[in-house]
Amino acid sequence: FIFIMLPIILSIQDKKEDYVASFKGSEFSLKDMNNNLITEESFEENLTAIFFGFTHCPDVCPMTLNKMDLVLNKLKNKNKYVKLFFISVDPERDTPEVIKNYLSSFDNDFIGITGDPEKIFKLSQSWGILSQKLFLENGEYNIDHSSPVILLKNGKYVSRISPKDDIKKSLKIINKYL
C-alpha cells in the first residue's frame, strides 16, 4: 500500500507547492488610510499579513479582523510583531476616512488600503482573491469575496489563515514563520 500511495502523495505535495508558488502578488501603487504610498515593497517585512475585505461586511471581515487583533495582541505580549494590511475590495464606499474609522475599533495598528477599483482588483487577483458585487433588491450591494489572511515572509507567500481557524491554530501558523 505504501509503495503505491507514496508517489501519489508526493505528486499532490508537488502540485500544492506549485500552486502556492503561483501567488506572487503584483506591482502596485496605492494609498493607505493616512495618504501614505503603499507598494509591493511595503509587504517585504519579516512577516506581513494581508487581508482583503470591506467595511460594510456583515460578518466574516469583522470576525476575521477581531480574531487577528487578538492573535497579534498575544504575539505582542511575547515581543513578536506582524504587520497587517487591510485592503478594501469595495473602494467605492471605503474611502480612507471610512477605513480609518473602521480600523480604529481594533487594538492593533492595522494599515487600511484603498484606491482605484481596477488597481485593487488586479492586486486581489494576483493573490488569488476572488470578489464580486451582489446587488440586493433595495439597490444596495454586498460583496462576496474569498477571505483568507495571507501571510508573507519578506514579500513572498508562505501560508494562509482561514476565517475558520481559531486563535490557537492561527497562532501556530504564524509562529511557524516568525
C-alpha atoms as a PDB file:
ATOM      1  CA  PHE A   1       0.000   0.000   0.000  1.00  0.00           C
ATOM      2  CA  ILE A   2       2.763   2.456   0.957  1.00  0.00           C
ATOM      3  CA  PHE A   3       4.646   1.803  -2.290  1.00  0.00           C
ATOM      4  CA  ILE A   4       1.516   2.577  -4.282  1.00  0.00           C
ATOM      5  CA  MET A   5       0.413   5.651  -2.287  1.00  0.00           C
ATOM      6  CA  LEU A   6       3.801   7.328  -1.740  1.00  0.00           C
ATOM      7  CA  PRO A   7       4.213   8.520  -5.364  1.00  0.00           C
ATOM      8  CA  ILE A   8       0.635   9.855  -5.327  1.00  0.00           C
ATOM      9  CA  ILE A   9       1.178  11.725  -2.049  1.00  0.00           C
ATOM     10  CA  LEU A  10       4.456  13.213  -3.310  1.00  0.00           C
ATOM     11  CA  SER A  11       2.765  14.265  -6.560  1.00  0.00           C
ATOM     12  CA  ILE A  12      -0.003  16.029  -4.640  1.00  0.00           C
ATOM     13  CA  GLN A  13       2.598  17.776  -2.466  1.00  0.00           C
ATOM     14  CA  ASP A  14       4.464  18.972  -5.593  1.00  0.00           C
ATOM     15  CA  LYS A  15       1.231  20.372  -7.049  1.00  0.00           C
ATOM     16  CA  LYS A  16       0.455  22.133  -3.767  1.00  0.00           C
ATOM     17  CA  GLU A  17       3.913  23.743  -3.797  1.00  0.00           C
ATOM     18  CA  ASP A  18       3.428  24.831  -7.424  1.00  0.00           C
ATOM     19  CA  TYR A  19       0.025  26.274  -6.505  1.00  0.00           C
ATOM     20  CA  VAL A  20       1.465  28.172  -3.532  1.00  0.00           C
ATOM     21  CA  ALA A  21       4.355  29.431  -5.665  1.00  0.00           C
ATOM     22  CA  SER A  22       1.824  30.880  -8.140  1.00  0.00           C
ATOM     23  CA  PHE A  23       0.753  33.502  -5.555  1.00  0.00           C
ATOM     24  CA  LYS A  24       3.246  36.252  -6.204  1.00  0.00           C
ATOM     25  CA  GLY A  25       1.275  39.426  -5.881  1.00  0.00           C
ATOM     26  CA  SER A  26       1.885  42.169  -8.390  1.00  0.00           C
ATOM     27  CA  GLU A  27       3.451  45.564  -8.662  1.00  0.00           C
ATOM     28  CA  PHE A  28       1.087  48.251  -7.420  1.00  0.00           C
ATOM     29  CA  SER A  29       0.921  51.761  -6.062  1.00  0.00           C
ATOM     30  CA  LEU A  30      -1.949  52.688  -3.732  1.00  0.00           C
ATOM     31  CA  LYS A  31      -2.510  54.953  -0.739  1.00  0.00           C
ATOM     32  CA  ASP A  32      -3.195  53.896   2.811  1.00  0.00           C
ATOM     33  CA  MET A  33      -5.780  55.497   5.085  1.00  0.00           C
ATOM     34  CA  ASN A  34      -3.215  58.151   6.112  1.00  0.00           C
ATOM     35  CA  ASN A  35      -2.369  59.040   2.497  1.00  0.00           C
ATOM     36  CA  ASN A  36       0.986  57.219   2.616  1.00  0.00           C
ATOM     37  CA  LEU A  37       2.178  55.495  -0.526  1.00  0.00           C
ATOM     38  CA  ILE A  38       1.925  51.698  -0.343  1.00  0.00           C
ATOM     39  CA  THR A  39       3.623  49.457  -2.888  1.00  0.00           C
ATOM     40  CA  GLU A  40       4.578  45.797  -3.080  1.00  0.00           C
ATOM     41  CA  GLU A  41       7.776  46.781  -1.232  1.00  0.00           C
ATOM     42  CA  SER A  42       5.613  47.608   1.799  1.00  0.00           C
ATOM     43  CA  PHE A  43       4.996  43.857   2.171  1.00  0.00           C
ATOM     44  CA  GLU A  44       8.693  42.997   2.362  1.00  0.00           C
ATOM     45  CA  GLU A  45       8.973  42.976   6.130  1.00  0.00           C
ATOM     46  CA  ASN A  46       9.925  39.875   8.085  1.00  0.00           C
ATOM     47  CA  LEU A  47       6.316  38.685   8.416  1.00  0.00           C
ATOM     48  CA  THR A  48       3.335  40.527   6.983  1.00  0.00           C
ATOM     49  CA  ALA A  49      -0.344  39.617   6.829  1.00  0.00           C
ATOM     50  CA  ILE A  50      -2.725  40.906   4.171  1.00  0.00           C
ATOM     51  CA  PHE A  51      -6.488  40.636   4.308  1.00  0.00           C
ATOM     52  CA  PHE A  52      -8.872  41.662   1.543  1.00  0.00           C
ATOM     53  CA  GLY A  53     -12.245  42.744   2.907  1.00  0.00           C
ATOM     54  CA  PHE A  54     -14.607  45.703   3.192  1.00  0.00           C
ATOM     55  CA  THR A  55     -16.036  47.860   5.943  1.00  0.00           C
ATOM     56  CA  HIS A  56     -19.705  47.128   5.187  1.00  0.00           C
ATOM     57  CA  CYS A  57     -19.126  43.385   5.562  1.00  0.00           C
ATOM     58  CA  PRO A  58     -21.771  41.973   7.904  1.00  0.00           C
ATOM     59  CA  ASP A  59     -19.834  39.041   9.332  1.00  0.00           C
ATOM     60  CA  VAL A  60     -16.618  37.467   8.003  1.00  0.00           C
ATOM     61  CA  CYS A  61     -14.496  40.632   7.798  1.00  0.00           C
ATOM     62  CA  PRO A  62     -15.138  41.972  11.311  1.00  0.00           C
ATOM     63  CA  MET A  63     -14.844  38.487  12.822  1.00  0.00           C
ATOM     64  CA  THR A  64     -11.579  37.797  10.986  1.00  0.00           C
ATOM     65  CA  LEU A  65     -10.103  41.171  11.924  1.00  0.00           C
ATOM     66  CA  ASN A  66     -11.188  40.701  15.533  1.00  0.00           C
ATOM     67  CA  LYS A  67      -9.510  37.283  15.623  1.00  0.00           C
ATOM     68  CA  MET A  68      -6.334  38.721  14.110  1.00  0.00           C
ATOM     69  CA  ASP A  69      -6.439  41.560  16.629  1.00  0.00           C
ATOM     70  CA  LEU A  70      -6.489  39.006  19.465  1.00  0.00           C
ATOM     71  CA  VAL A  71      -3.748  36.921  17.795  1.00  0.00           C
ATOM     72  CA  LEU A  72      -1.489  39.939  17.282  1.00  0.00           C
ATOM     73  CA  ASN A  73      -2.035  41.023  20.906  1.00  0.00           C
ATOM     74  CA  LYS A  74      -0.873  37.589  22.090  1.00  0.00           C
ATOM     75  CA  LEU A  75       2.208  37.859  19.866  1.00  0.00           C
ATOM     76  CA  LYS A  76       2.910  41.399  21.051  1.00  0.00           C
ATOM     77  CA  ASN A  77       2.949  40.128  24.641  1.00  0.00           C
ATOM     78  CA  LYS A  78       5.880  37.922  23.579  1.00  0.00           C
ATOM     79  CA  ASN A  79       7.627  40.771  21.726  1.00  0.00           C
ATOM     80  CA  LYS A  80       6.712  39.314  18.330  1.00  0.00           C
ATOM     81  CA  TYR A  81       5.210  41.557  15.685  1.00  0.00           C
ATOM     82  CA  VAL A  82       3.315  41.059  12.462  1.00  0.00           C
ATOM     83  CA  LYS A  83       2.112  43.961  10.324  1.00  0.00           C
ATOM     84  CA  LEU A  84      -1.428  43.503   8.975  1.00  0.00           C
ATOM     85  CA  PHE A  85      -2.702  45.297   5.876  1.00  0.00           C
ATOM     86  CA  PHE A  86      -6.476  45.527   5.335  1.00  0.00           C
ATOM     87  CA  ILE A  87      -7.095  46.019   1.607  1.00  0.00           C
ATOM     88  CA  SER A  88     -10.622  47.085   0.650  1.00  0.00           C
ATOM     89  CA  VAL A  89     -12.395  45.152  -2.104  1.00  0.00           C
ATOM     90  CA  ASP A  90     -15.023  47.930  -2.013  1.00  0.00           C
ATOM     91  CA  PRO A  91     -13.031  51.087  -2.754  1.00  0.00           C
ATOM     92  CA  GLU A  92     -16.162  52.892  -3.974  1.00  0.00           C
ATOM     93  CA  ARG A  93     -17.540  53.062  -0.416  1.00  0.00           C
ATOM     94  CA  ASP A  94     -14.324  52.537   1.547  1.00  0.00           C
ATOM     95  CA  THR A  95     -12.663  55.918   1.441  1.00  0.00           C
ATOM     96  CA  PRO A  96      -9.521  56.456   3.520  1.00  0.00           C
ATOM     97  CA  GLU A  97     -11.633  58.161   6.209  1.00  0.00           C
ATOM     98  CA  VAL A  98     -14.154  55.298   6.341  1.00  0.00           C
ATOM     99  CA  ILE A  99     -11.371  52.698   6.618  1.00  0.00           C
ATOM    100  CA  LYS A 100      -9.523  54.709   9.264  1.00  0.00           C
ATOM    101  CA  ASN A 101     -12.668  54.967  11.363  1.00  0.00           C
ATOM    102  CA  TYR A 102     -13.450  51.253  10.900  1.00  0.00           C
ATOM    103  CA  LEU A 103      -9.951  50.093  11.869  1.00  0.00           C
ATOM    104  CA  SER A 104      -9.798  52.417  14.889  1.00  0.00           C
ATOM    105  CA  SER A 105     -12.033  49.983  16.786  1.00  0.00           C
ATOM    106  CA  PHE A 106      -9.207  47.413  16.892  1.00  0.00           C
ATOM    107  CA  ASP A 107      -6.278  47.472  19.334  1.00  0.00           C
ATOM    108  CA  ASN A 108      -3.585  46.931  16.717  1.00  0.00           C
ATOM    109  CA  ASP A 109      -2.480  49.432  14.122  1.00  0.00           C
ATOM    110  CA  PHE A 110      -3.868  47.733  11.034  1.00  0.00           C
ATOM    111  CA  ILE A 111      -2.974  49.579   7.845  1.00  0.00           C
ATOM    112  CA  GLY A 112      -6.014  50.216   5.640  1.00  0.00           C
ATOM    113  CA  ILE A 113      -5.531  50.439   1.891  1.00  0.00           C
ATOM    114  CA  THR A 114      -7.975  51.665  -0.728  1.00  0.00           C
ATOM    115  CA  GLY A 115      -7.801  53.327  -4.107  1.00  0.00           C
ATOM    116  CA  ASP A 116      -8.598  52.848  -7.754  1.00  0.00           C
ATOM    117  CA  PRO A 117     -11.019  49.890  -8.154  1.00  0.00           C
ATOM    118  CA  GLU A 118      -9.122  48.497 -11.128  1.00  0.00           C
ATOM    119  CA  LYS A 119      -5.799  48.535  -9.236  1.00  0.00           C
ATOM    120  CA  ILE A 120      -7.418  46.896  -6.204  1.00  0.00           C
ATOM    121  CA  PHE A 121      -8.989  44.231  -8.429  1.00  0.00           C
ATOM    122  CA  LYS A 122      -5.667  43.416 -10.131  1.00  0.00           C
ATOM    123  CA  LEU A 123      -3.890  43.255  -6.768  1.00  0.00           C
ATOM    124  CA  SER A 124      -6.521  40.959  -5.261  1.00  0.00           C
ATOM    125  CA  GLN A 125      -6.406  38.675  -8.308  1.00  0.00           C
ATOM    126  CA  SER A 126      -2.611  38.435  -8.073  1.00  0.00           C
ATOM    127  CA  TRP A 127      -3.031  36.980  -4.567  1.00  0.00           C
ATOM    128  CA  GLY A 128      -5.790  34.581  -5.613  1.00  0.00           C
ATOM    129  CA  ILE A 129      -8.647  36.560  -4.063  1.00  0.00           C
ATOM    130  CA  LEU A 130     -11.982  36.402  -5.859  1.00  0.00           C
ATOM    131  CA  SER A 131     -14.686  39.003  -5.337  1.00  0.00           C
ATOM    132  CA  GLN A 132     -17.947  40.097  -6.893  1.00  0.00           C
ATOM    133  CA  LYS A 133     -20.738  42.553  -6.168  1.00  0.00           C
ATOM    134  CA  LEU A 134     -24.090  41.061  -5.269  1.00  0.00           C
ATOM    135  CA  PHE A 135     -26.920  43.538  -5.726  1.00  0.00           C
ATOM    136  CA  LEU A 136     -29.811  43.447  -3.275  1.00  0.00           C
ATOM    137  CA  GLU A 137     -33.461  44.171  -4.042  1.00  0.00           C
ATOM    138  CA  ASN A 138     -33.248  47.607  -2.398  1.00  0.00           C
ATOM    139  CA  GLY A 139     -30.467  48.726  -4.759  1.00  0.00           C
ATOM    140  CA  GLU A 140     -27.696  48.320  -2.185  1.00  0.00           C
ATOM    141  CA  TYR A 141     -24.962  45.766  -2.678  1.00  0.00           C
ATOM    142  CA  ASN A 142     -22.830  43.374  -0.751  1.00  0.00           C
ATOM    143  CA  ILE A 143     -19.533  41.872  -1.829  1.00  0.00           C
ATOM    144  CA  ASP A 144     -18.896  38.172  -1.907  1.00  0.00           C
ATOM    145  CA  HIS A 145     -15.166  37.522  -1.605  1.00  0.00           C
ATOM    146  CA  SER A 146     -12.638  34.923  -0.581  1.00  0.00           C
ATOM    147  CA  SER A 147     -11.366  35.801   2.848  1.00  0.00           C
ATOM    148  CA  PRO A 148      -8.098  34.209   3.940  1.00  0.00           C
ATOM    149  CA  VAL A 149      -5.463  36.154   5.793  1.00  0.00           C
ATOM    150  CA  ILE A 150      -2.422  35.774   3.561  1.00  0.00           C
ATOM    151  CA  LEU A 151       0.957  35.526   5.272  1.00  0.00           C
ATOM    152  CA  LEU A 152       4.038  36.859   3.527  1.00  0.00           C
ATOM    153  CA  LYS A 153       7.611  36.468   4.644  1.00  0.00           C
ATOM    154  CA  ASN A 154       9.923  39.012   3.039  1.00  0.00           C
ATOM    155  CA  GLY A 155       7.188  39.725   0.489  1.00  0.00           C
ATOM    156  CA  LYS A 156       6.720  36.090  -0.559  1.00  0.00           C
ATOM    157  CA  TYR A 157       3.650  33.969   0.088  1.00  0.00           C
ATOM    158  CA  VAL A 158       4.217  31.385   2.835  1.00  0.00           C
ATOM    159  CA  SER A 159       0.776  30.472   4.182  1.00  0.00           C
ATOM    160  CA  ARG A 160      -2.811  31.492   4.778  1.00  0.00           C
ATOM    161  CA  ILE A 161      -5.077  31.613   7.771  1.00  0.00           C
ATOM    162  CA  SER A 162      -8.667  30.623   7.143  1.00  0.00           C
ATOM    163  CA  PRO A 163     -11.531  32.547   8.733  1.00  0.00           C
ATOM    164  CA  LYS A 164     -12.475  29.175  10.243  1.00  0.00           C
ATOM    165  CA  ASP A 165      -9.122  28.786  12.017  1.00  0.00           C
ATOM    166  CA  ASP A 166      -9.388  29.525  15.719  1.00  0.00           C
ATOM    167  CA  ILE A 167      -6.931  31.708  17.639  1.00  0.00           C
ATOM    168  CA  LYS A 168      -4.766  28.761  18.711  1.00  0.00           C
ATOM    169  CA  LYS A 169      -4.382  27.449  15.155  1.00  0.00           C
ATOM    170  CA  SER A 170      -3.779  30.959  13.798  1.00  0.00           C
ATOM    171  CA  LEU A 171      -1.002  31.484  16.352  1.00  0.00           C
ATOM    172  CA  LYS A 172       0.546  28.142  15.432  1.00  0.00           C
ATOM    173  CA  ILE A 173       0.585  29.064  11.735  1.00  0.00           C
ATOM    174  CA  ILE A 174       2.116  32.490  12.372  1.00  0.00           C
ATOM    175  CA  ASN A 175       4.707  31.231  14.862  1.00  0.00           C
ATOM    176  CA  LYS A 176       5.940  28.775  12.257  1.00  0.00           C
ATOM    177  CA  TYR A 177       7.214  31.742  10.209  1.00  0.00           C
ATOM    178  CA  LEU A 178       8.403  34.139  12.929  1.00  0.00           C
END
